[in-house]
Amino acid sequence: MKKILIILITTTLVSCAVQKKTAIDSYIGVYDIIAYDVTQVGDVPLRLTITKNNSTYNSLFENGVDSPLTDLGLEWEVDSTTVEDGVIRIDGFVASYDLYFELNIDGNDISGSLAGMFDVEGVRVE
């Protein structure tokens, strides 16, 4: 009986230690965002996916529903994704223009700017 109790307590402690080491990264997720009042195209809905491989962040943009970029046959390409001082910076280009996003995540909300000129807001969907 004592051996079973000791094994049970040990198993519980080990499982708790494993759970504490598995930290959730608040940046990782899928977000529906909108860049507002972008010159010549208006509001641009996008789906942003942020992942992490070891210590490197990666991101992917997909045109959202009714995106004016889809009508123009344009896709986003991402060069780099970095996180510094709580700000996510995503460098990339679309239609041969170098652009960047600077984004902040607060719970399930995401906000920031596109190229420092256009407001961006959105929510986590996954």
C-alpha atoms as a PDB file:
ATOM      1  CA  MET A   1       0.000   0.000   0.000  1.00  0.00           C
ATOM      2  CA  LYS A   2       2.836   2.392   0.847  1.00  0.00           C
ATOM      3  CA  LYS A   3       4.557   1.640  -2.466  1.00  0.00           C
ATOM      4  CA  ILE A   4       1.411   2.448  -4.423  1.00  0.00           C
ATOM      5  CA  LEU A   5       0.990   5.700  -2.513  1.00  0.00           C
ATOM      6  CA  ILE A   6       4.634   6.681  -3.132  1.00  0.00           C
ATOM      7  CA  ILE A   7       4.343   5.863  -6.851  1.00  0.00           C
ATOM      8  CA  LEU A   8       1.126   7.867  -7.110  1.00  0.00           C
ATOM      9  CA  ILE A   9       2.647  10.921  -5.407  1.00  0.00           C
ATOM     10  CA  THR A  10       5.814  10.706  -7.526  1.00  0.00           C
ATOM     11  CA  THR A  11       3.800  10.443 -10.737  1.00  0.00           C
ATOM     12  CA  THR A  12       1.722  13.469  -9.753  1.00  0.00           C
ATOM     13  CA  LEU A  13       4.795  15.587  -8.987  1.00  0.00           C
ATOM     14  CA  VAL A  14       6.533  14.621 -12.221  1.00  0.00           C
ATOM     15  CA  SER A  15       3.459  15.395 -14.320  1.00  0.00           C
ATOM     16  CA  CYS A  16       3.099  18.803 -12.661  1.00  0.00           C
ATOM     17  CA  ALA A  17       6.751  19.588 -13.386  1.00  0.00           C
ATOM     18  CA  VAL A  18       6.289  18.661 -17.050  1.00  0.00           C
ATOM     19  CA  GLN A  19       3.233  20.915 -17.341  1.00  0.00           C
ATOM     20  CA  LYS A  20       5.110  23.887 -15.876  1.00  0.00           C
ATOM     21  CA  LYS A  21       7.921  23.527 -18.431  1.00  0.00           C
ATOM     22  CA  THR A  22       5.444  23.610 -21.322  1.00  0.00           C
ATOM     23  CA  ALA A  23       4.949  27.364 -21.563  1.00  0.00           C
ATOM     24  CA  ILE A  24       2.353  28.706 -23.948  1.00  0.00           C
ATOM     25  CA  ASP A  25       3.702  31.277 -26.392  1.00  0.00           C
ATOM     26  CA  SER A  26       1.137  34.079 -26.595  1.00  0.00           C
ATOM     27  CA  TYR A  27       2.251  35.146 -30.084  1.00  0.00           C
ATOM     28  CA  ILE A  28       1.551  31.819 -31.787  1.00  0.00           C
ATOM     29  CA  GLY A  29      -1.877  31.575 -33.402  1.00  0.00           C
ATOM     30  CA  VAL A  30      -4.121  32.428 -36.304  1.00  0.00           C
ATOM     31  CA  TYR A  31      -5.533  35.944 -36.532  1.00  0.00           C
ATOM     32  CA  ASP A  32      -8.074  37.652 -38.764  1.00  0.00           C
ATOM     33  CA  ILE A  33      -6.804  41.194 -39.232  1.00  0.00           C
ATOM     34  CA  ILE A  34      -7.790  44.240 -41.274  1.00  0.00           C
ATOM     35  CA  ALA A  35      -5.431  46.947 -42.515  1.00  0.00           C
ATOM     36  CA  TYR A  36      -7.629  50.047 -42.747  1.00  0.00           C
ATOM     37  CA  ASP A  37      -7.745  52.686 -45.493  1.00  0.00           C
ATOM     38  CA  VAL A  38      -4.778  51.389 -47.506  1.00  0.00           C
ATOM     39  CA  THR A  39      -4.020  53.746 -50.396  1.00  0.00           C
ATOM     40  CA  GLN A  40      -5.685  52.752 -53.686  1.00  0.00           C
ATOM     41  CA  VAL A  41      -7.312  49.578 -52.282  1.00  0.00           C
ATOM     42  CA  GLY A  42      -9.208  50.544 -49.099  1.00  0.00           C
ATOM     43  CA  ASP A  43      -9.622  48.077 -46.238  1.00  0.00           C
ATOM     44  CA  VAL A  44      -7.561  44.885 -46.640  1.00  0.00           C
ATOM     45  CA  PRO A  45      -8.703  41.788 -44.697  1.00  0.00           C
ATOM     46  CA  LEU A  46      -5.965  39.213 -44.081  1.00  0.00           C
ATOM     47  CA  ARG A  47      -5.499  35.974 -42.209  1.00  0.00           C
ATOM     48  CA  LEU A  48      -2.198  35.957 -40.308  1.00  0.00           C
ATOM     49  CA  THR A  49      -0.694  32.712 -39.041  1.00  0.00           C
ATOM     50  CA  ILE A  50       2.232  32.915 -36.615  1.00  0.00           C
ATOM     51  CA  THR A  51       4.221  29.782 -35.764  1.00  0.00           C
ATOM     52  CA  LYS A  52       7.460  29.084 -33.950  1.00  0.00           C
ATOM     53  CA  ASN A  53      10.150  26.550 -34.794  1.00  0.00           C
ATOM     54  CA  ASN A  54      12.641  26.281 -31.918  1.00  0.00           C
ATOM     55  CA  SER A  55      13.391  29.969 -31.243  1.00  0.00           C
ATOM     56  CA  THR A  56      12.475  31.305 -34.699  1.00  0.00           C
ATOM     57  CA  TYR A  57       9.091  32.847 -35.455  1.00  0.00           C
ATOM     58  CA  ASN A  58       7.488  32.381 -38.869  1.00  0.00           C
ATOM     59  CA  SER A  59       4.405  33.998 -40.309  1.00  0.00           C
ATOM     60  CA  LEU A  60       2.139  33.615 -43.301  1.00  0.00           C
ATOM     61  CA  PHE A  61      -0.463  35.978 -44.751  1.00  0.00           C
ATOM     62  CA  GLU A  62      -3.472  34.850 -46.742  1.00  0.00           C
ATOM     63  CA  ASN A  63      -5.876  37.259 -48.402  1.00  0.00           C
ATOM     64  CA  GLY A  64      -9.122  37.431 -46.478  1.00  0.00           C
ATOM     65  CA  VAL A  65     -12.649  37.140 -47.795  1.00  0.00           C
ATOM     66  CA  ASP A  66     -13.479  39.968 -50.236  1.00  0.00           C
ATOM     67  CA  SER A  67      -9.888  41.220 -50.195  1.00  0.00           C
ATOM     68  CA  PRO A  68      -9.179  43.751 -52.949  1.00  0.00           C
ATOM     69  CA  LEU A  69      -5.766  42.116 -53.318  1.00  0.00           C
ATOM     70  CA  THR A  70      -7.384  38.870 -54.470  1.00  0.00           C
ATOM     71  CA  ASP A  71      -9.141  40.742 -57.280  1.00  0.00           C
ATOM     72  CA  LEU A  72      -5.767  42.167 -58.316  1.00  0.00           C
ATOM     73  CA  GLY A  73      -4.067  38.741 -58.162  1.00  0.00           C
ATOM     74  CA  LEU A  74      -1.655  39.880 -55.434  1.00  0.00           C
ATOM     75  CA  GLU A  75      -0.248  37.714 -52.637  1.00  0.00           C
ATOM     76  CA  TRP A  76       1.841  38.591 -49.584  1.00  0.00           C
ATOM     77  CA  GLU A  77       5.345  37.174 -49.218  1.00  0.00           C
ATOM     78  CA  VAL A  78       7.068  37.250 -45.824  1.00  0.00           C
ATOM     79  CA  ASP A  79      10.830  37.755 -45.498  1.00  0.00           C
ATOM     80  CA  SER A  80      11.180  37.682 -41.715  1.00  0.00           C
ATOM     81  CA  THR A  81       9.260  37.660 -38.451  1.00  0.00           C
ATOM     82  CA  THR A  82      10.818  38.928 -35.222  1.00  0.00           C
ATOM     83  CA  VAL A  83       9.589  39.683 -31.705  1.00  0.00           C
ATOM     84  CA  GLU A  84      11.330  42.376 -29.726  1.00  0.00           C
ATOM     85  CA  ASP A  85      10.075  44.189 -26.631  1.00  0.00           C
ATOM     86  CA  GLY A  86       6.616  42.648 -27.078  1.00  0.00           C
ATOM     87  CA  VAL A  87       6.246  43.925 -30.657  1.00  0.00           C
ATOM     88  CA  ILE A  88       5.947  41.531 -33.591  1.00  0.00           C
ATOM     89  CA  ARG A  89       7.625  42.860 -36.716  1.00  0.00           C
ATOM     90  CA  ILE A  90       6.868  41.125 -39.995  1.00  0.00           C
ATOM     91  CA  ASP A  91       8.878  42.216 -43.034  1.00  0.00           C
ATOM     92  CA  GLY A  92       7.761  41.248 -46.502  1.00  0.00           C
ATOM     93  CA  PHE A  93       6.432  42.487 -49.777  1.00  0.00           C
ATOM     94  CA  VAL A  94       3.394  42.574 -52.005  1.00  0.00           C
ATOM     95  CA  ALA A  95       3.330  43.728 -55.633  1.00  0.00           C
ATOM     96  CA  SER A  96       7.098  44.462 -55.416  1.00  0.00           C
ATOM     97  CA  TYR A  97       6.596  46.917 -52.505  1.00  0.00           C
ATOM     98  CA  ASP A  98       8.635  46.296 -49.370  1.00  0.00           C
ATOM     99  CA  LEU A  99       6.236  46.525 -46.434  1.00  0.00           C
ATOM    100  CA  TYR A 100       6.286  45.760 -42.740  1.00  0.00           C
ATOM    101  CA  PHE A 101       3.802  45.186 -39.965  1.00  0.00           C
ATOM    102  CA  GLU A 102       4.412  46.156 -36.347  1.00  0.00           C
ATOM    103  CA  LEU A 103       1.841  44.380 -34.188  1.00  0.00           C
ATOM    104  CA  ASN A 104       0.986  44.031 -30.500  1.00  0.00           C
ATOM    105  CA  ILE A 105      -1.001  41.152 -29.043  1.00  0.00           C
ATOM    106  CA  ASP A 106      -3.141  41.640 -25.965  1.00  0.00           C
ATOM    107  CA  GLY A 107      -4.973  38.418 -25.104  1.00  0.00           C
ATOM    108  CA  ASN A 108      -7.007  37.597 -28.203  1.00  0.00           C
ATOM    109  CA  ASP A 109      -6.756  41.102 -29.695  1.00  0.00           C
ATOM    110  CA  ILE A 110      -4.082  42.197 -32.148  1.00  0.00           C
ATOM    111  CA  SER A 111      -3.378  45.763 -33.245  1.00  0.00           C
ATOM    112  CA  GLY A 112      -0.642  47.842 -34.779  1.00  0.00           C
ATOM    113  CA  SER A 113       0.280  49.308 -38.125  1.00  0.00           C
ATOM    114  CA  LEU A 114       1.183  48.477 -41.693  1.00  0.00           C
ATOM    115  CA  ALA A 115       4.233  50.434 -42.897  1.00  0.00           C
ATOM    116  CA  GLY A 116       3.743  52.823 -39.982  1.00  0.00           C
ATOM    117  CA  MET A 117       0.884  54.501 -41.900  1.00  0.00           C
ATOM    118  CA  PHE A 118      -2.193  52.263 -41.846  1.00  0.00           C
ATOM    119  CA  ASP A 119      -3.969  51.050 -38.705  1.00  0.00           C
ATOM    120  CA  VAL A 120      -4.303  47.296 -38.247  1.00  0.00           C
ATOM    121  CA  GLU A 121      -6.743  45.557 -35.905  1.00  0.00           C
ATOM    122  CA  GLY A 122      -7.929  42.013 -35.507  1.00  0.00           C
ATOM    123  CA  VAL A 123      -8.684  39.018 -33.312  1.00  0.00           C
ATOM    124  CA  ARG A 124      -7.286  35.564 -32.700  1.00  0.00           C
ATOM    125  CA  VAL A 125      -9.414  32.872 -34.355  1.00  0.00           C
ATOM    126  CA  GLU A 126      -7.319  29.803 -33.425  1.00  0.00           C
END
